[in-house]
Amino acid sequence: MMKTKKPFFSAKNLTVTPYAVWMVLFVLIPIGLVVYFAFTDANGTFTLENLSYIKRYAETFWLSVELALISTVICLLLAYPMAFIIAKMPTERQGSAILLIMLPMWMNFLIRTYAWMTILENNGIINRFVGMIAQWLQIEFEGFSMINTNGAIVLGMVYNYLPYMILPIYTVLTKIDNSLIEAARDLGSSSVHVFRRIIAPLSVPGVISGITMVFVPAVSTFIISYLLGGGKTYLIGNIIENYFLGSSGAINYNVGAALSLLLMILIVVSMGIMNHFDKDSESVGGGMIV
């Protein structure tokens, strides 16, 4: 029996082709260029010398991962109860709550970060406010040193990326079938038991998505560390940015590409680990017993 050959200009092909072209032009080709520059020198000759810079910036890599992990954990601790509370609100109020969370995201990223500089600097809002209280209480106050610290960088990351943790968790929580919770309560389960055996396992996919959406931009950020770190704390994003956009003497696309390649590998590995946990959670959730 002969198989009929499908025409090239079918509806399916016409639908997929724009996305395939987009992926090739803006994903595959840029990645290919990064790989090419990472393994060549200024003359286009193959070399592994660029990879030696990875050892030089090993501490910077670990610091970037450390601050990104701290920011991700804080975002998770803040986002989960917030998403849970919103999901339990009446339906007509959930939209307003999500709008309030998304409202700051409508402002430019740089403006939001500059705002925190105004708040945290030595003559900022917090120090002025505490200074006024100290003066009223006749207490000597020299001011808090909050800006240009790792804590300020973490605060900036948490503020800017917190909505990316809240939204996926909220979305998953709203899709949990209430009949499962009602059945568990009818069988005598306490609120803690219901959360531990039903809500928590079923919300893991949202948690995994949130962790990925926060960790990936946090580990590669450079503008937050530049503004709130005052140039004292350099993350790997700052190093890469300097090699691509720094002064003329510091520009080296090959070294920047090598560091970018390692960062991409780190991100892909972290996403693979998260996907592995996501699959495990689905298998556990599928066999869940109340």
C-alpha atoms as a PDB file:
ATOM      1  CA  MET A   1       0.000   0.000   0.000  1.00  0.00           C
ATOM      2  CA  MET A   2       1.550   3.267  -1.112  1.00  0.00           C
ATOM      3  CA  LYS A   3       1.649   6.151   1.339  1.00  0.00           C
ATOM      4  CA  THR A   4       0.372   9.450   0.054  1.00  0.00           C
ATOM      5  CA  LYS A   5       2.983  12.184   0.193  1.00  0.00           C
ATOM      6  CA  LYS A   6       1.877  15.138   2.242  1.00  0.00           C
ATOM      7  CA  PRO A   7       2.192  18.493   0.502  1.00  0.00           C
ATOM      8  CA  PHE A   8       4.911  20.793   1.838  1.00  0.00           C
ATOM      9  CA  PHE A   9       2.553  23.770   2.061  1.00  0.00           C
ATOM     10  CA  SER A  10       0.161  22.014   4.412  1.00  0.00           C
ATOM     11  CA  ALA A  11      -1.580  23.872   7.229  1.00  0.00           C
ATOM     12  CA  LYS A  12       0.651  22.185   9.816  1.00  0.00           C
ATOM     13  CA  ASN A  13       3.880  23.140   8.034  1.00  0.00           C
ATOM     14  CA  LEU A  14       2.749  26.704   7.501  1.00  0.00           C
ATOM     15  CA  THR A  15       1.989  26.974  11.210  1.00  0.00           C
ATOM     16  CA  VAL A  16       5.293  25.489  12.385  1.00  0.00           C
ATOM     17  CA  THR A  17       7.601  27.207   9.870  1.00  0.00           C
ATOM     18  CA  PRO A  18       7.592  30.726  11.442  1.00  0.00           C
ATOM     19  CA  TYR A  19       8.536  29.290  14.833  1.00  0.00           C
ATOM     20  CA  ALA A  20      11.247  27.129  13.281  1.00  0.00           C
ATOM     21  CA  VAL A  21      12.716  30.124  11.449  1.00  0.00           C
ATOM     22  CA  TRP A  22      12.590  32.176  14.645  1.00  0.00           C
ATOM     23  CA  MET A  23      14.384  29.421  16.607  1.00  0.00           C
ATOM     24  CA  VAL A  24      17.102  29.119  13.972  1.00  0.00           C
ATOM     25  CA  LEU A  25      17.715  32.878  13.631  1.00  0.00           C
ATOM     26  CA  PHE A  26      17.513  33.920  17.279  1.00  0.00           C
ATOM     27  CA  VAL A  27      18.457  30.769  19.209  1.00  0.00           C
ATOM     28  CA  LEU A  28      20.552  28.297  17.247  1.00  0.00           C
ATOM     29  CA  ILE A  29      22.668  30.797  15.312  1.00  0.00           C
ATOM     30  CA  PRO A  30      23.502  32.947  18.396  1.00  0.00           C
ATOM     31  CA  ILE A  31      24.418  29.826  20.384  1.00  0.00           C
ATOM     32  CA  GLY A  32      26.561  28.664  17.485  1.00  0.00           C
ATOM     33  CA  LEU A  33      28.367  32.016  17.431  1.00  0.00           C
ATOM     34  CA  VAL A  34      29.004  31.804  21.180  1.00  0.00           C
ATOM     35  CA  VAL A  35      30.482  28.314  20.775  1.00  0.00           C
ATOM     36  CA  TYR A  36      32.590  29.487  17.809  1.00  0.00           C
ATOM     37  CA  PHE A  37      34.065  32.491  19.630  1.00  0.00           C
ATOM     38  CA  ALA A  38      34.607  30.433  22.803  1.00  0.00           C
ATOM     39  CA  PHE A  39      36.936  28.030  20.996  1.00  0.00           C
ATOM     40  CA  THR A  40      38.769  30.478  18.719  1.00  0.00           C
ATOM     41  CA  ASP A  41      41.153  33.380  19.172  1.00  0.00           C
ATOM     42  CA  ALA A  42      41.077  36.850  17.616  1.00  0.00           C
ATOM     43  CA  ASN A  43      42.408  35.386  14.341  1.00  0.00           C
ATOM     44  CA  GLY A  44      39.777  32.656  14.176  1.00  0.00           C
ATOM     45  CA  THR A  45      42.235  29.893  15.081  1.00  0.00           C
ATOM     46  CA  PHE A  46      41.024  27.028  17.262  1.00  0.00           C
ATOM     47  CA  THR A  47      42.201  27.334  20.865  1.00  0.00           C
ATOM     48  CA  LEU A  48      41.322  26.237  24.380  1.00  0.00           C
ATOM     49  CA  GLU A  49      43.056  29.181  26.028  1.00  0.00           C
ATOM     50  CA  ASN A  50      39.773  31.056  26.505  1.00  0.00           C
ATOM     51  CA  LEU A  51      38.528  28.299  28.793  1.00  0.00           C
ATOM     52  CA  SER A  52      41.457  28.913  31.149  1.00  0.00           C
ATOM     53  CA  TYR A  53      39.762  32.141  32.228  1.00  0.00           C
ATOM     54  CA  ILE A  54      37.061  30.043  33.846  1.00  0.00           C
ATOM     55  CA  LYS A  55      39.518  29.084  36.597  1.00  0.00           C
ATOM     56  CA  ARG A  56      40.395  32.743  37.129  1.00  0.00           C
ATOM     57  CA  TYR A  57      36.765  33.653  37.757  1.00  0.00           C
ATOM     58  CA  ALA A  58      35.798  30.503  39.685  1.00  0.00           C
ATOM     59  CA  GLU A  59      35.120  32.472  42.882  1.00  0.00           C
ATOM     60  CA  THR A  60      32.931  34.904  40.945  1.00  0.00           C
ATOM     61  CA  PHE A  61      30.944  31.994  39.528  1.00  0.00           C
ATOM     62  CA  TRP A  62      30.367  30.524  42.976  1.00  0.00           C
ATOM     63  CA  LEU A  63      29.396  33.899  44.408  1.00  0.00           C
ATOM     64  CA  SER A  64      26.873  34.358  41.578  1.00  0.00           C
ATOM     65  CA  VAL A  65      25.398  30.913  42.252  1.00  0.00           C
ATOM     66  CA  GLU A  66      25.354  31.532  46.009  1.00  0.00           C
ATOM     67  CA  LEU A  67      23.507  34.859  45.782  1.00  0.00           C
ATOM     68  CA  ALA A  68      21.125  33.438  43.179  1.00  0.00           C
ATOM     69  CA  LEU A  69      20.320  30.461  45.434  1.00  0.00           C
ATOM     70  CA  ILE A  70      19.762  32.717  48.457  1.00  0.00           C
ATOM     71  CA  SER A  71      17.470  34.964  46.412  1.00  0.00           C
ATOM     72  CA  THR A  72      15.576  31.957  45.064  1.00  0.00           C
ATOM     73  CA  VAL A  73      15.041  30.475  48.532  1.00  0.00           C
ATOM     74  CA  ILE A  74      13.825  33.816  49.921  1.00  0.00           C
ATOM     75  CA  CYS A  75      11.494  34.245  46.953  1.00  0.00           C
ATOM     76  CA  LEU A  76      10.078  30.757  47.551  1.00  0.00           C
ATOM     77  CA  LEU A  77       9.540  31.381  51.267  1.00  0.00           C
ATOM     78  CA  LEU A  78       7.724  34.639  50.518  1.00  0.00           C
ATOM     79  CA  ALA A  79       5.871  33.554  47.393  1.00  0.00           C
ATOM     80  CA  TYR A  80       4.342  30.257  48.506  1.00  0.00           C
ATOM     81  CA  PRO A  81       2.228  31.585  51.403  1.00  0.00           C
ATOM     82  CA  MET A  82       1.336  34.659  49.336  1.00  0.00           C
ATOM     83  CA  ALA A  83       0.208  32.515  46.390  1.00  0.00           C
ATOM     84  CA  PHE A  84      -1.676  30.199  48.757  1.00  0.00           C
ATOM     85  CA  ILE A  85      -3.545  33.117  50.348  1.00  0.00           C
ATOM     86  CA  ILE A  86      -4.474  34.558  46.939  1.00  0.00           C
ATOM     87  CA  ALA A  87      -5.638  31.155  45.685  1.00  0.00           C
ATOM     88  CA  LYS A  88      -7.975  30.877  48.702  1.00  0.00           C
ATOM     89  CA  MET A  89      -9.491  34.321  48.086  1.00  0.00           C
ATOM     90  CA  PRO A  90     -12.901  34.664  46.438  1.00  0.00           C
ATOM     91  CA  THR A  91     -12.556  34.442  42.668  1.00  0.00           C
ATOM     92  CA  GLU A  92     -13.586  38.059  42.105  1.00  0.00           C
ATOM     93  CA  ARG A  93     -10.774  39.286  44.391  1.00  0.00           C
ATOM     94  CA  GLN A  94      -7.980  37.124  42.994  1.00  0.00           C
ATOM     95  CA  GLY A  95      -7.650  39.243  39.853  1.00  0.00           C
ATOM     96  CA  SER A  96      -7.136  42.411  41.894  1.00  0.00           C
ATOM     97  CA  ALA A  97      -4.500  40.718  44.067  1.00  0.00           C
ATOM     98  CA  ILE A  98      -2.568  39.464  41.045  1.00  0.00           C
ATOM     99  CA  LEU A  99      -2.825  42.931  39.484  1.00  0.00           C
ATOM    100  CA  LEU A 100      -1.206  44.479  42.571  1.00  0.00           C
ATOM    101  CA  ILE A 101       1.639  41.969  42.325  1.00  0.00           C
ATOM    102  CA  MET A 102       2.157  42.635  38.622  1.00  0.00           C
ATOM    103  CA  LEU A 103       1.784  46.415  38.855  1.00  0.00           C
ATOM    104  CA  PRO A 104       5.467  47.126  39.683  1.00  0.00           C
ATOM    105  CA  MET A 105       6.470  44.981  36.699  1.00  0.00           C
ATOM    106  CA  TRP A 106       4.887  47.551  34.394  1.00  0.00           C
ATOM    107  CA  MET A 107       7.668  49.962  35.317  1.00  0.00           C
ATOM    108  CA  ASN A 108      11.088  49.783  33.715  1.00  0.00           C
ATOM    109  CA  PHE A 109      13.532  47.348  35.357  1.00  0.00           C
ATOM    110  CA  LEU A 110      16.189  50.065  35.758  1.00  0.00           C
ATOM    111  CA  ILE A 111      13.742  52.493  37.350  1.00  0.00           C
ATOM    112  CA  ARG A 112      12.729  49.904  39.939  1.00  0.00           C
ATOM    113  CA  THR A 113      16.373  49.208  40.760  1.00  0.00           C
ATOM    114  CA  TYR A 114      17.243  52.919  40.950  1.00  0.00           C
ATOM    115  CA  ALA A 115      14.336  53.329  43.374  1.00  0.00           C
ATOM    116  CA  TRP A 116      15.985  50.874  45.740  1.00  0.00           C
ATOM    117  CA  MET A 117      19.210  52.874  45.513  1.00  0.00           C
ATOM    118  CA  THR A 118      17.266  55.891  46.761  1.00  0.00           C
ATOM    119  CA  ILE A 119      15.803  53.831  49.591  1.00  0.00           C
ATOM    120  CA  LEU A 120      19.010  52.087  50.720  1.00  0.00           C
ATOM    121  CA  GLU A 121      21.709  54.733  50.278  1.00  0.00           C
ATOM    122  CA  ASN A 122      23.308  56.409  53.295  1.00  0.00           C
ATOM    123  CA  ASN A 123      21.073  59.485  52.924  1.00  0.00           C
ATOM    124  CA  GLY A 124      18.140  57.390  51.728  1.00  0.00           C
ATOM    125  CA  ILE A 125      14.591  57.129  52.988  1.00  0.00           C
ATOM    126  CA  ILE A 126      15.288  54.435  55.604  1.00  0.00           C
ATOM    127  CA  ASN A 127      18.259  56.195  57.176  1.00  0.00           C
ATOM    128  CA  ARG A 128      16.423  59.535  57.189  1.00  0.00           C
ATOM    129  CA  PHE A 129      13.347  58.021  58.805  1.00  0.00           C
ATOM    130  CA  VAL A 130      15.313  56.168  61.483  1.00  0.00           C
ATOM    131  CA  GLY A 131      17.451  59.267  62.005  1.00  0.00           C
ATOM    132  CA  MET A 132      14.344  61.379  62.672  1.00  0.00           C
ATOM    133  CA  ILE A 133      13.131  58.860  65.259  1.00  0.00           C
ATOM    134  CA  ALA A 134      16.580  58.726  66.872  1.00  0.00           C
ATOM    135  CA  GLN A 135      16.715  62.523  67.017  1.00  0.00           C
ATOM    136  CA  TRP A 136      13.263  62.662  68.593  1.00  0.00           C
ATOM    137  CA  LEU A 137      14.360  60.057  71.182  1.00  0.00           C
ATOM    138  CA  GLN A 138      17.674  61.895  71.589  1.00  0.00           C
ATOM    139  CA  ILE A 139      19.649  58.816  70.600  1.00  0.00           C
ATOM    140  CA  GLU A 140      22.880  58.996  68.625  1.00  0.00           C
ATOM    141  CA  PHE A 141      22.425  57.420  65.201  1.00  0.00           C
ATOM    142  CA  GLU A 142      25.185  57.099  62.600  1.00  0.00           C
ATOM    143  CA  GLY A 143      23.082  55.408  59.927  1.00  0.00           C
ATOM    144  CA  PHE A 144      22.829  51.941  58.449  1.00  0.00           C
ATOM    145  CA  SER A 145      25.266  50.850  55.763  1.00  0.00           C
ATOM    146  CA  MET A 146      22.891  49.030  53.410  1.00  0.00           C
ATOM    147  CA  ILE A 147      23.892  50.028  49.903  1.00  0.00           C
ATOM    148  CA  ASN A 148      26.901  48.481  48.111  1.00  0.00           C
ATOM    149  CA  THR A 149      26.560  45.162  49.960  1.00  0.00           C
ATOM    150  CA  ASN A 150      25.656  41.600  49.019  1.00  0.00           C
ATOM    151  CA  GLY A 151      22.494  42.005  51.069  1.00  0.00           C
ATOM    152  CA  ALA A 152      21.398  44.901  48.871  1.00  0.00           C
ATOM    153  CA  ILE A 153      21.990  42.777  45.771  1.00  0.00           C
ATOM    154  CA  VAL A 154      19.909  39.929  47.181  1.00  0.00           C
ATOM    155  CA  LEU A 155      17.171  42.400  48.119  1.00  0.00           C
ATOM    156  CA  GLY A 156      17.145  43.756  44.568  1.00  0.00           C
ATOM    157  CA  MET A 157      16.909  40.256  43.120  1.00  0.00           C
ATOM    158  CA  VAL A 158      14.083  39.259  45.457  1.00  0.00           C
ATOM    159  CA  TYR A 159      12.107  42.404  44.701  1.00  0.00           C
ATOM    160  CA  ASN A 160      12.491  42.152  40.925  1.00  0.00           C
ATOM    161  CA  TYR A 161      11.982  38.391  40.565  1.00  0.00           C
ATOM    162  CA  LEU A 162       9.412  37.643  43.289  1.00  0.00           C
ATOM    163  CA  PRO A 163       6.408  37.846  40.888  1.00  0.00           C
ATOM    164  CA  TYR A 164       8.034  35.149  38.738  1.00  0.00           C
ATOM    165  CA  MET A 165       7.813  32.827  41.735  1.00  0.00           C
ATOM    166  CA  ILE A 166       4.304  33.812  42.819  1.00  0.00           C
ATOM    167  CA  LEU A 167       2.513  33.432  39.482  1.00  0.00           C
ATOM    168  CA  PRO A 168       3.370  29.793  38.622  1.00  0.00           C
ATOM    169  CA  ILE A 169       2.689  28.638  42.182  1.00  0.00           C
ATOM    170  CA  TYR A 170      -0.618  30.521  42.214  1.00  0.00           C
ATOM    171  CA  THR A 171      -1.591  29.041  38.847  1.00  0.00           C
ATOM    172  CA  VAL A 172      -0.975  25.479  40.052  1.00  0.00           C
ATOM    173  CA  LEU A 173      -2.768  26.015  43.370  1.00  0.00           C
ATOM    174  CA  THR A 174      -5.900  27.312  41.639  1.00  0.00           C
ATOM    175  CA  LYS A 175      -6.035  24.149  39.493  1.00  0.00           C
ATOM    176  CA  ILE A 176      -6.081  21.741  42.458  1.00  0.00           C
ATOM    177  CA  ASP A 177      -9.406  19.929  42.557  1.00  0.00           C
ATOM    178  CA  ASN A 178     -11.243  20.952  45.728  1.00  0.00           C
ATOM    179  CA  SER A 179     -12.961  17.555  45.806  1.00  0.00           C
ATOM    180  CA  LEU A 180      -9.638  15.988  46.822  1.00  0.00           C
ATOM    181  CA  ILE A 181      -9.354  18.337  49.789  1.00  0.00           C
ATOM    182  CA  GLU A 182     -13.001  17.800  50.745  1.00  0.00           C
ATOM    183  CA  ALA A 183     -12.573  14.016  50.549  1.00  0.00           C
ATOM    184  CA  ALA A 184      -9.512  14.190  52.784  1.00  0.00           C
ATOM    185  CA  ARG A 185     -11.354  16.269  55.361  1.00  0.00           C
ATOM    186  CA  ASP A 186     -14.308  13.872  55.267  1.00  0.00           C
ATOM    187  CA  LEU A 187     -11.868  11.069  56.072  1.00  0.00           C
ATOM    188  CA  GLY A 188     -10.688  12.973  59.136  1.00  0.00           C
ATOM    189  CA  SER A 189      -7.479  14.547  57.832  1.00  0.00           C
ATOM    190  CA  SER A 190      -6.248  17.659  59.595  1.00  0.00           C
ATOM    191  CA  SER A 191      -5.278  20.842  57.757  1.00  0.00           C
ATOM    192  CA  VAL A 192      -1.590  19.999  58.190  1.00  0.00           C
ATOM    193  CA  HIS A 193      -2.116  16.496  56.798  1.00  0.00           C
ATOM    194  CA  VAL A 194      -4.123  17.832  53.849  1.00  0.00           C
ATOM    195  CA  PHE A 195      -1.376  20.310  53.019  1.00  0.00           C
ATOM    196  CA  ARG A 196       1.412  17.753  53.383  1.00  0.00           C
ATOM    197  CA  ARG A 197      -0.230  14.927  51.424  1.00  0.00           C
ATOM    198  CA  ILE A 198      -2.294  16.794  48.802  1.00  0.00           C
ATOM    199  CA  ILE A 199      -1.562  20.492  48.356  1.00  0.00           C
ATOM    200  CA  ALA A 200       2.238  20.376  48.662  1.00  0.00           C
ATOM    201  CA  PRO A 201       2.800  17.442  46.238  1.00  0.00           C
ATOM    202  CA  LEU A 202       0.381  18.850  43.650  1.00  0.00           C
ATOM    203  CA  SER A 203       1.969  22.301  43.832  1.00  0.00           C
ATOM    204  CA  VAL A 204       5.509  21.043  43.152  1.00  0.00           C
ATOM    205  CA  PRO A 205       5.324  21.708  39.366  1.00  0.00           C
ATOM    206  CA  GLY A 206       4.563  25.377  40.099  1.00  0.00           C
ATOM    207  CA  VAL A 207       7.379  25.531  42.627  1.00  0.00           C
ATOM    208  CA  ILE A 208       9.814  24.012  40.120  1.00  0.00           C
ATOM    209  CA  SER A 209       8.746  26.501  37.442  1.00  0.00           C
ATOM    210  CA  GLY A 210       9.108  29.382  39.902  1.00  0.00           C
ATOM    211  CA  ILE A 211      12.568  28.275  41.016  1.00  0.00           C
ATOM    212  CA  THR A 212      13.701  28.049  37.404  1.00  0.00           C
ATOM    213  CA  MET A 213      12.224  31.430  36.475  1.00  0.00           C
ATOM    214  CA  VAL A 214      13.960  33.110  39.433  1.00  0.00           C
ATOM    215  CA  PHE A 215      17.311  31.305  39.502  1.00  0.00           C
ATOM    216  CA  VAL A 216      18.094  31.666  35.790  1.00  0.00           C
ATOM    217  CA  PRO A 217      17.908  35.495  35.610  1.00  0.00           C
ATOM    218  CA  ALA A 218      19.361  35.873  39.117  1.00  0.00           C
ATOM    219  CA  VAL A 219      22.533  33.901  38.386  1.00  0.00           C
ATOM    220  CA  SER A 220      23.179  35.867  35.190  1.00  0.00           C
ATOM    221  CA  THR A 221      22.180  39.354  36.346  1.00  0.00           C
ATOM    222  CA  PHE A 222      24.615  42.241  36.080  1.00  0.00           C
ATOM    223  CA  ILE A 223      22.639  45.481  36.376  1.00  0.00           C
ATOM    224  CA  ILE A 224      21.365  44.751  39.916  1.00  0.00           C
ATOM    225  CA  SER A 225      24.842  43.939  41.199  1.00  0.00           C
ATOM    226  CA  TYR A 226      26.248  46.979  39.385  1.00  0.00           C
ATOM    227  CA  LEU A 227      23.748  49.460  40.829  1.00  0.00           C
ATOM    228  CA  LEU A 228      23.101  48.043  44.307  1.00  0.00           C
ATOM    229  CA  GLY A 229      26.590  46.600  44.734  1.00  0.00           C
ATOM    230  CA  GLY A 230      28.259  49.865  43.775  1.00  0.00           C
ATOM    231  CA  GLY A 231      30.903  48.086  41.725  1.00  0.00           C
ATOM    232  CA  LYS A 232      32.270  46.388  44.849  1.00  0.00           C
ATOM    233  CA  THR A 233      30.615  43.034  44.141  1.00  0.00           C
ATOM    234  CA  TYR A 234      31.201  41.582  40.693  1.00  0.00           C
ATOM    235  CA  LEU A 235      29.045  38.693  39.562  1.00  0.00           C
ATOM    236  CA  ILE A 236      29.709  36.611  36.487  1.00  0.00           C
ATOM    237  CA  GLY A 237      27.203  38.700  34.550  1.00  0.00           C
ATOM    238  CA  ASN A 238      29.307  41.800  35.217  1.00  0.00           C
ATOM    239  CA  ILE A 239      32.471  40.043  34.046  1.00  0.00           C
ATOM    240  CA  ILE A 240      30.832  38.895  30.810  1.00  0.00           C
ATOM    241  CA  GLU A 241      29.354  42.360  30.239  1.00  0.00           C
ATOM    242  CA  ASN A 242      32.788  43.942  30.641  1.00  0.00           C
ATOM    243  CA  TYR A 243      34.344  41.600  28.077  1.00  0.00           C
ATOM    244  CA  PHE A 244      31.630  42.439  25.530  1.00  0.00           C
ATOM    245  CA  LEU A 245      30.818  46.083  26.307  1.00  0.00           C
ATOM    246  CA  GLY A 246      33.675  47.344  28.496  1.00  0.00           C
ATOM    247  CA  SER A 247      36.446  49.748  27.612  1.00  0.00           C
ATOM    248  CA  SER A 248      38.234  49.181  24.291  1.00  0.00           C
ATOM    249  CA  GLY A 249      41.227  47.597  25.997  1.00  0.00           C
ATOM    250  CA  ALA A 250      39.084  45.150  27.977  1.00  0.00           C
ATOM    251  CA  ILE A 251      36.821  43.989  25.141  1.00  0.00           C
ATOM    252  CA  ASN A 252      37.490  40.363  24.275  1.00  0.00           C
ATOM    253  CA  TYR A 253      34.599  38.551  22.606  1.00  0.00           C
ATOM    254  CA  ASN A 254      36.377  35.205  22.786  1.00  0.00           C
ATOM    255  CA  VAL A 255      36.832  35.212  26.568  1.00  0.00           C
ATOM    256  CA  GLY A 256      33.346  36.636  27.055  1.00  0.00           C
ATOM    257  CA  ALA A 257      31.925  33.845  24.874  1.00  0.00           C
ATOM    258  CA  ALA A 258      33.807  31.190  26.869  1.00  0.00           C
ATOM    259  CA  LEU A 259      32.409  32.492  30.150  1.00  0.00           C
ATOM    260  CA  SER A 260      28.942  32.780  28.572  1.00  0.00           C
ATOM    261  CA  LEU A 261      29.179  29.174  27.408  1.00  0.00           C
ATOM    262  CA  LEU A 262      29.959  27.970  30.918  1.00  0.00           C
ATOM    263  CA  LEU A 263      27.055  30.035  32.262  1.00  0.00           C
ATOM    264  CA  MET A 264      24.731  28.494  29.666  1.00  0.00           C
ATOM    265  CA  ILE A 265      25.883  25.008  30.662  1.00  0.00           C
ATOM    266  CA  LEU A 266      25.261  25.851  34.325  1.00  0.00           C
ATOM    267  CA  ILE A 267      21.741  27.073  33.528  1.00  0.00           C
ATOM    268  CA  VAL A 268      20.946  24.033  31.360  1.00  0.00           C
ATOM    269  CA  VAL A 269      22.176  21.668  34.090  1.00  0.00           C
ATOM    270  CA  SER A 270      20.102  23.451  36.751  1.00  0.00           C
ATOM    271  CA  MET A 271      17.015  23.311  34.520  1.00  0.00           C
ATOM    272  CA  GLY A 272      17.641  19.613  33.912  1.00  0.00           C
ATOM    273  CA  ILE A 273      17.813  18.983  37.649  1.00  0.00           C
ATOM    274  CA  MET A 274      14.582  20.920  38.163  1.00  0.00           C
ATOM    275  CA  ASN A 275      12.841  18.947  35.407  1.00  0.00           C
ATOM    276  CA  HIS A 276      13.996  15.711  37.030  1.00  0.00           C
ATOM    277  CA  PHE A 277      12.372  16.717  40.311  1.00  0.00           C
ATOM    278  CA  ASP A 278       9.280  17.786  38.385  1.00  0.00           C
ATOM    279  CA  LYS A 279       8.933  14.301  36.851  1.00  0.00           C
ATOM    280  CA  ASP A 280       9.433  12.701  40.259  1.00  0.00           C
ATOM    281  CA  SER A 281       6.694  14.893  41.715  1.00  0.00           C
ATOM    282  CA  GLU A 282       4.294  13.871  38.932  1.00  0.00           C
ATOM    283  CA  SER A 283       4.887  10.169  39.635  1.00  0.00           C
ATOM    284  CA  VAL A 284       4.410  10.743  43.365  1.00  0.00           C
ATOM    285  CA  GLY A 285       1.303  12.855  42.791  1.00  0.00           C
ATOM    286  CA  GLY A 286      -0.175  10.251  40.474  1.00  0.00           C
ATOM    287  CA  GLY A 287       0.073   7.577  43.166  1.00  0.00           C
ATOM    288  CA  MET A 288      -0.900   9.819  46.057  1.00  0.00           C
ATOM    289  CA  ILE A 289      -2.977   8.212  48.795  1.00  0.00           C
ATOM    290  CA  VAL A 290      -4.915  10.327  51.255  1.00  0.00           C
END
